[in-house]
N, C-alpha and C. Protein backbone atom coordinates (compact mmCIF):
# COMPACT_ATOMS: atom_id res chain seq x y z
N MET A 1 -10.49 25.25 -19.58
CA MET A 1 -9.22 24.38 -19.07
C MET A 1 -9.41 23.08 -20.08
N SER A 2 -7.87 23.30 -21.21
CA SER A 2 -7.90 22.38 -21.92
C SER A 2 -7.74 20.68 -21.07
N TYR A 3 -7.74 19.64 -21.99
CA TYR A 3 -7.23 18.07 -21.22
C TYR A 3 -5.78 18.59 -20.72
N GLU A 4 -4.86 18.65 -21.95
CA GLU A 4 -3.21 19.02 -21.32
C GLU A 4 -3.17 19.57 -19.79
N GLU A 5 -4.51 20.89 -19.99
CA GLU A 5 -3.87 21.59 -18.79
C GLU A 5 -4.70 21.08 -17.11
N LYS A 6 -5.66 19.81 -17.62
CA LYS A 6 -6.46 19.35 -16.41
C LYS A 6 -5.04 18.29 -16.34
N LEU A 7 -4.80 17.18 -17.33
CA LEU A 7 -3.68 16.35 -16.80
C LEU A 7 -2.57 16.71 -16.10
N THR A 8 -2.43 17.88 -16.34
CA THR A 8 -1.26 18.74 -16.18
C THR A 8 -1.82 18.87 -14.51
N SER A 9 -2.26 19.28 -14.23
CA SER A 9 -2.84 19.64 -12.52
C SER A 9 -3.21 18.95 -12.02
N HIS A 10 -3.54 17.29 -12.84
CA HIS A 10 -3.78 16.41 -11.52
C HIS A 10 -2.05 15.90 -11.59
N ILE A 11 -1.62 15.65 -12.59
CA ILE A 11 -0.31 14.98 -11.99
C ILE A 11 0.27 15.88 -11.25
N LYS A 12 0.29 16.94 -11.01
CA LYS A 12 0.93 18.15 -10.37
C LYS A 12 0.36 17.80 -8.43
N ARG A 13 -0.85 17.81 -8.83
CA ARG A 13 -1.64 17.31 -7.46
C ARG A 13 -1.32 16.01 -6.52
N ALA A 14 -1.10 14.75 -7.85
CA ALA A 14 -0.77 13.82 -7.80
C ALA A 14 0.61 13.60 -6.79
N GLU A 15 1.77 14.20 -7.43
CA GLU A 15 3.32 14.30 -6.99
C GLU A 15 2.69 15.00 -5.86
N LEU A 16 2.21 16.17 -5.34
CA LEU A 16 2.33 16.91 -4.02
C LEU A 16 1.62 15.64 -2.94
N ALA A 17 0.75 14.87 -3.61
CA ALA A 17 0.44 13.55 -2.41
C ALA A 17 1.41 12.72 -2.10
N LEU A 18 2.06 12.28 -3.21
CA LEU A 18 2.94 11.16 -2.97
C LEU A 18 4.04 11.47 -2.36
N ASN A 19 4.41 12.76 -2.43
CA ASN A 19 5.53 13.80 -1.71
C ASN A 19 5.01 14.42 -0.10
N ASP A 20 3.76 14.42 0.28
CA ASP A 20 3.46 14.16 1.45
C ASP A 20 3.68 12.88 2.04
N LEU A 21 2.93 12.17 1.50
CA LEU A 21 2.71 10.93 2.05
C LEU A 21 4.33 10.05 1.96
N ARG A 22 5.37 10.27 1.59
CA ARG A 22 6.55 9.78 1.51
C ARG A 22 7.17 9.75 2.62
N PRO A 23 7.41 10.63 3.59
CA PRO A 23 8.08 10.81 4.66
C PRO A 23 7.53 9.79 5.66
N VAL A 24 6.05 9.87 5.76
CA VAL A 24 5.28 9.12 6.99
C VAL A 24 5.77 7.41 6.25
N GLN A 25 5.42 6.96 4.98
CA GLN A 25 5.82 5.33 4.41
C GLN A 25 7.51 5.19 4.98
N VAL A 26 8.21 6.17 4.64
CA VAL A 26 9.92 5.64 5.38
C VAL A 26 9.53 5.42 6.78
N GLN A 27 9.12 6.52 7.57
CA GLN A 27 8.91 6.00 9.14
C GLN A 27 8.49 4.90 9.29
N LYS A 28 7.15 4.58 8.64
CA LYS A 28 6.73 3.08 8.79
C LYS A 28 7.18 2.32 8.23
N PHE A 29 7.76 2.17 7.23
CA PHE A 29 9.12 0.87 7.10
C PHE A 29 9.77 0.80 8.09
N ALA A 30 10.81 1.76 8.76
CA ALA A 30 11.52 1.69 9.26
C ALA A 30 10.96 0.85 10.75
N GLU A 31 9.24 1.49 11.19
CA GLU A 31 8.84 0.72 12.06
C GLU A 31 8.32 -0.74 12.16
N ARG A 32 8.90 -1.15 10.85
CA ARG A 32 8.60 -2.71 10.13
C ARG A 32 9.74 -3.16 10.50
N TYR A 33 10.69 -2.58 10.70
CA TYR A 33 11.84 -3.17 10.45
C TYR A 33 11.88 -4.62 11.46
N TYR A 34 11.59 -4.60 12.56
CA TYR A 34 11.68 -5.68 13.44
C TYR A 34 11.56 -7.45 12.87
N ARG A 35 10.34 -6.80 12.00
CA ARG A 35 9.84 -7.84 11.34
C ARG A 35 10.69 -8.52 9.87
N GLY A 36 11.65 -7.89 10.23
CA GLY A 36 12.74 -8.49 9.29
C GLY A 36 12.17 -8.25 7.56
N ASP A 37 12.70 -8.59 6.43
CA ASP A 37 12.84 -8.49 4.96
C ASP A 37 11.62 -9.07 4.50
N TRP A 38 10.65 -8.09 4.14
CA TRP A 38 9.41 -8.55 3.60
C TRP A 38 9.56 -9.77 2.48
N ARG A 39 10.37 -9.50 1.69
CA ARG A 39 10.68 -10.62 0.81
C ARG A 39 10.57 -12.39 1.65
N THR A 40 10.80 -11.99 2.81
CA THR A 40 10.81 -13.59 3.34
C THR A 40 9.34 -13.59 3.51
N SER A 41 8.65 -12.73 2.98
CA SER A 41 7.38 -13.43 3.48
C SER A 41 6.38 -14.09 2.31
N SER A 42 5.46 -14.42 2.27
CA SER A 42 4.64 -14.81 1.32
C SER A 42 3.63 -13.45 0.83
N VAL A 43 3.36 -13.74 -0.56
CA VAL A 43 2.25 -13.00 -1.03
C VAL A 43 1.18 -12.85 -0.18
N PRO A 44 0.78 -14.31 -0.37
CA PRO A 44 -0.87 -14.28 0.18
C PRO A 44 -0.55 -13.56 1.77
N ASP A 45 0.45 -13.64 2.93
CA ASP A 45 0.55 -12.86 4.27
C ASP A 45 0.51 -11.48 3.91
N LEU A 46 1.44 -11.24 2.86
CA LEU A 46 1.43 -10.08 2.70
C LEU A 46 -0.31 -9.23 2.29
N LEU A 47 -0.58 -9.95 1.48
CA LEU A 47 -2.18 -9.76 1.35
C LEU A 47 -2.71 -9.63 2.45
N ALA A 48 -2.32 -10.45 3.21
CA ALA A 48 -3.52 -10.18 4.49
C ALA A 48 -3.45 -9.02 5.40
N ASP A 49 -2.18 -9.08 5.41
CA ASP A 49 -1.47 -7.69 6.14
C ASP A 49 -2.37 -6.62 5.68
N LEU A 50 -2.27 -6.46 4.08
CA LEU A 50 -2.45 -5.29 3.40
C LEU A 50 -4.20 -5.01 3.81
N ILE A 51 -4.68 -6.22 3.36
CA ILE A 51 -6.49 -6.40 3.71
C ILE A 51 -6.53 -5.52 5.53
N GLN A 52 -5.70 -6.14 6.50
CA GLN A 52 -6.07 -5.73 7.82
C GLN A 52 -5.46 -4.06 7.81
N GLU A 53 -4.52 -3.65 7.29
CA GLU A 53 -4.35 -2.25 7.07
C GLU A 53 -5.42 -1.47 6.30
N VAL A 54 -5.79 -2.20 5.53
CA VAL A 54 -7.19 -1.11 4.90
C VAL A 54 -8.41 -1.19 5.53
N GLY A 55 -8.53 -2.17 6.38
CA GLY A 55 -9.33 -2.17 7.77
C GLY A 55 -9.10 -1.04 8.84
N GLU A 56 -7.87 -0.84 9.35
CA GLU A 56 -7.52 0.07 10.15
C GLU A 56 -7.62 1.22 9.63
N LEU A 57 -7.32 1.74 8.51
CA LEU A 57 -7.53 2.85 7.66
C LEU A 57 -8.72 3.20 7.52
N ALA A 58 -10.11 2.26 7.22
CA ALA A 58 -11.48 2.61 7.28
C ALA A 58 -11.56 3.10 8.31
N GLN A 59 -11.03 2.10 9.84
CA GLN A 59 -11.32 2.98 10.67
C GLN A 59 -11.07 3.99 11.48
N GLU A 60 -9.75 4.59 11.04
CA GLU A 60 -9.67 5.73 10.68
C GLU A 60 -10.22 6.95 10.66
N LEU A 61 -10.61 6.20 9.33
CA LEU A 61 -11.43 7.54 8.61
C LEU A 61 -12.93 8.11 8.88
N ARG A 62 -13.29 7.41 10.04
CA ARG A 62 -14.64 7.62 10.88
C ARG A 62 -14.41 8.51 11.48
N SER A 63 -13.12 8.87 11.76
CA SER A 63 -12.46 10.37 12.97
C SER A 63 -11.63 11.07 11.92
N PRO A 64 -12.39 12.14 11.24
CA PRO A 64 -11.72 12.69 9.55
C PRO A 64 -11.07 13.98 10.43
N TRP A 65 -10.61 13.80 11.69
CA TRP A 65 -9.54 14.86 12.23
C TRP A 65 -8.51 14.35 12.52
N ARG A 66 -8.69 13.36 12.92
CA ARG A 66 -7.34 12.52 13.00
C ARG A 66 -6.23 12.04 11.68
N VAL A 67 -5.87 13.19 11.66
CA VAL A 67 -4.98 13.45 10.03
C VAL A 67 -3.42 12.71 10.15
N GLU A 68 -3.20 13.21 11.50
CA GLU A 68 -1.77 11.96 11.39
C GLU A 68 -1.86 10.58 11.37
N GLU A 69 -3.05 10.29 12.05
CA GLU A 69 -3.35 8.95 12.03
C GLU A 69 -3.91 8.17 10.76
N ILE A 70 -4.76 8.96 9.88
CA ILE A 70 -4.93 8.56 8.80
C ILE A 70 -3.81 8.84 7.51
N ALA A 71 -3.22 9.34 8.01
CA ALA A 71 -2.08 9.30 7.25
C ALA A 71 -1.15 8.09 7.11
N ALA A 72 -0.75 7.69 8.52
CA ALA A 72 0.09 6.66 9.18
C ALA A 72 -1.01 5.36 8.40
N GLU A 73 -1.80 5.33 8.65
CA GLU A 73 -3.01 3.99 8.35
C GLU A 73 -2.49 4.06 6.49
N ALA A 74 -2.73 4.87 5.83
CA ALA A 74 -2.49 5.30 4.36
C ALA A 74 -1.15 4.73 3.99
N ALA A 75 -0.14 4.96 5.03
CA ALA A 75 1.12 4.66 3.95
C ALA A 75 1.09 3.13 4.88
N ASP A 76 0.73 3.01 5.57
CA ASP A 76 1.11 1.16 5.84
C ASP A 76 0.00 0.68 4.84
N VAL A 77 -1.36 1.34 4.01
CA VAL A 77 -1.71 0.33 3.02
C VAL A 77 -0.37 0.23 1.67
N ALA A 78 -0.30 1.56 1.45
CA ALA A 78 0.43 1.54 0.46
C ALA A 78 1.92 1.08 0.70
N ASN A 79 2.75 1.01 1.73
CA ASN A 79 3.81 -0.09 1.64
C ASN A 79 3.46 -1.58 1.49
N TYR A 80 2.40 -1.80 1.94
CA TYR A 80 2.04 -3.28 1.62
C TYR A 80 1.61 -3.56 0.29
N ALA A 81 0.82 -2.78 -0.15
CA ALA A 81 0.92 -2.82 -1.69
C ALA A 81 2.18 -2.60 -2.65
N ALA A 82 3.12 -1.48 -2.06
CA ALA A 82 4.51 -1.97 -2.55
C ALA A 82 5.23 -3.01 -2.29
N MET A 83 4.99 -3.46 -1.18
CA MET A 83 6.11 -4.79 -0.88
C MET A 83 5.19 -6.38 -1.65
N ILE A 84 3.92 -6.17 -1.82
CA ILE A 84 3.44 -7.09 -2.56
C ILE A 84 3.71 -6.81 -4.45
N ALA A 85 3.99 -5.52 -4.53
CA ALA A 85 4.53 -5.53 -5.97
C ALA A 85 5.61 -5.90 -6.22
N ASP A 86 6.68 -5.24 -5.24
CA ASP A 86 8.36 -5.88 -5.32
C ASP A 86 7.85 -7.60 -5.49
N MET A 87 7.17 -8.07 -4.71
CA MET A 87 7.37 -9.44 -4.92
C MET A 87 6.78 -9.81 -6.54
N ILE A 88 6.02 -9.23 -6.80
CA ILE A 88 5.39 -9.96 -7.81
C ILE A 88 6.69 -9.58 -8.95
N LYS A 89 6.82 -8.36 -9.15
CA LYS A 89 8.08 -7.81 -10.26
C LYS A 89 9.02 -9.09 -9.74
N SER A 90 9.52 -9.07 -8.49
CA SER A 90 10.41 -10.37 -8.28
C SER A 90 10.35 -11.80 -9.02
N ARG A 91 9.28 -12.23 -8.43
CA ARG A 91 8.76 -13.23 -9.01
C ARG A 91 8.88 -13.36 -10.83
N ALA A 92 8.06 -12.36 -11.31
CA ALA A 92 8.12 -12.21 -12.62
C ALA A 92 9.59 -12.36 -13.10
N LYS A 93 10.59 -12.08 -12.85
CA LYS A 93 11.85 -11.92 -12.91
C LYS A 93 12.34 -13.41 -13.19
N THR A 94 12.07 -14.14 -12.02
CA THR A 94 12.49 -15.37 -12.04
C THR A 94 11.56 -16.45 -12.45
N SER A 95 10.51 -15.85 -13.17
CA SER A 95 9.17 -17.30 -14.32
C SER A 95 8.82 -17.63 -12.67
N VAL A 96 8.59 -17.60 -11.82
CA VAL A 96 8.17 -18.39 -10.35
C VAL A 96 6.64 -18.10 -10.59
N SER A 97 5.76 -19.11 -10.34
CA SER A 97 4.20 -19.08 -10.25
C SER A 97 3.44 -18.17 -9.39
N VAL A 98 3.02 -17.31 -9.52
CA VAL A 98 1.96 -16.96 -8.39
C VAL A 98 0.44 -17.13 -8.31
N SER A 99 0.14 -18.65 -9.49
CA SER A 99 -1.06 -18.89 -9.29
C SER A 99 -1.63 -19.36 -7.91
N LYS A 100 -0.81 -19.36 -6.71
CA LYS A 100 -1.80 -19.71 -4.87
C LYS A 100 -2.17 -18.70 -4.89
N LEU A 101 -2.01 -17.26 -5.21
CA LEU A 101 -2.39 -16.01 -4.87
C LEU A 101 -4.14 -16.36 -4.89
N PRO A 102 -4.71 -15.57 -3.50
CA PRO A 102 -5.88 -15.69 -3.80
C PRO A 102 -6.47 -14.81 -4.42
N SER A 103 -7.92 -15.00 -4.92
CA SER A 103 -8.52 -14.16 -5.74
C SER A 103 -9.21 -12.86 -5.08
N ALA A 104 -9.36 -11.93 -5.89
CA ALA A 104 -9.54 -10.67 -4.95
C ALA A 104 -10.98 -10.76 -4.00
N ARG A 105 -11.78 -11.37 -4.94
CA ARG A 105 -13.13 -11.87 -4.16
C ARG A 105 -12.81 -12.49 -2.88
N ILE A 106 -11.90 -13.33 -3.17
CA ILE A 106 -11.69 -14.01 -1.57
C ILE A 106 -10.99 -13.10 -0.86
N ALA A 107 -10.12 -12.56 -1.27
CA ALA A 107 -9.50 -11.43 -0.32
C ALA A 107 -10.40 -10.96 0.34
N ALA A 108 -10.98 -9.91 -0.58
CA ALA A 108 -12.11 -8.95 0.17
C ALA A 108 -13.19 -9.35 0.96
N SER A 109 -13.18 -10.69 0.97
CA SER A 109 -14.62 -11.54 1.78
C SER A 109 -13.81 -11.47 3.45
N THR A 110 -12.51 -11.34 3.45
CA THR A 110 -11.80 -11.44 4.64
C THR A 110 -11.78 -9.95 5.48
N CYS A 111 -12.20 -9.05 4.67
CA CYS A 111 -12.40 -7.73 5.25
C CYS A 111 -13.29 -7.55 6.30
């Protein structure tokens, strides 16, 4: 198989995985609605939530047959990562400093 064929296959699989997860992500965003607009949160708070969700996903992965629960936690992780990316993108547009973000090393130590 050529590089191009492998790349095409890889991209198609990624699209399938993303398409499978998207409805779960939308549902998880809807469930989070009571917390309000994430743009009123701070990036460090969202990062702390992301780290918590990664821990919950790791916990679910200990029971590999709990497919729906694993998908739900994976969707939470993806959603919090998307919220952080949205916040950073928004701040970059307004030239606000993001220097108060904790380093990855510090954030990882809280897991």
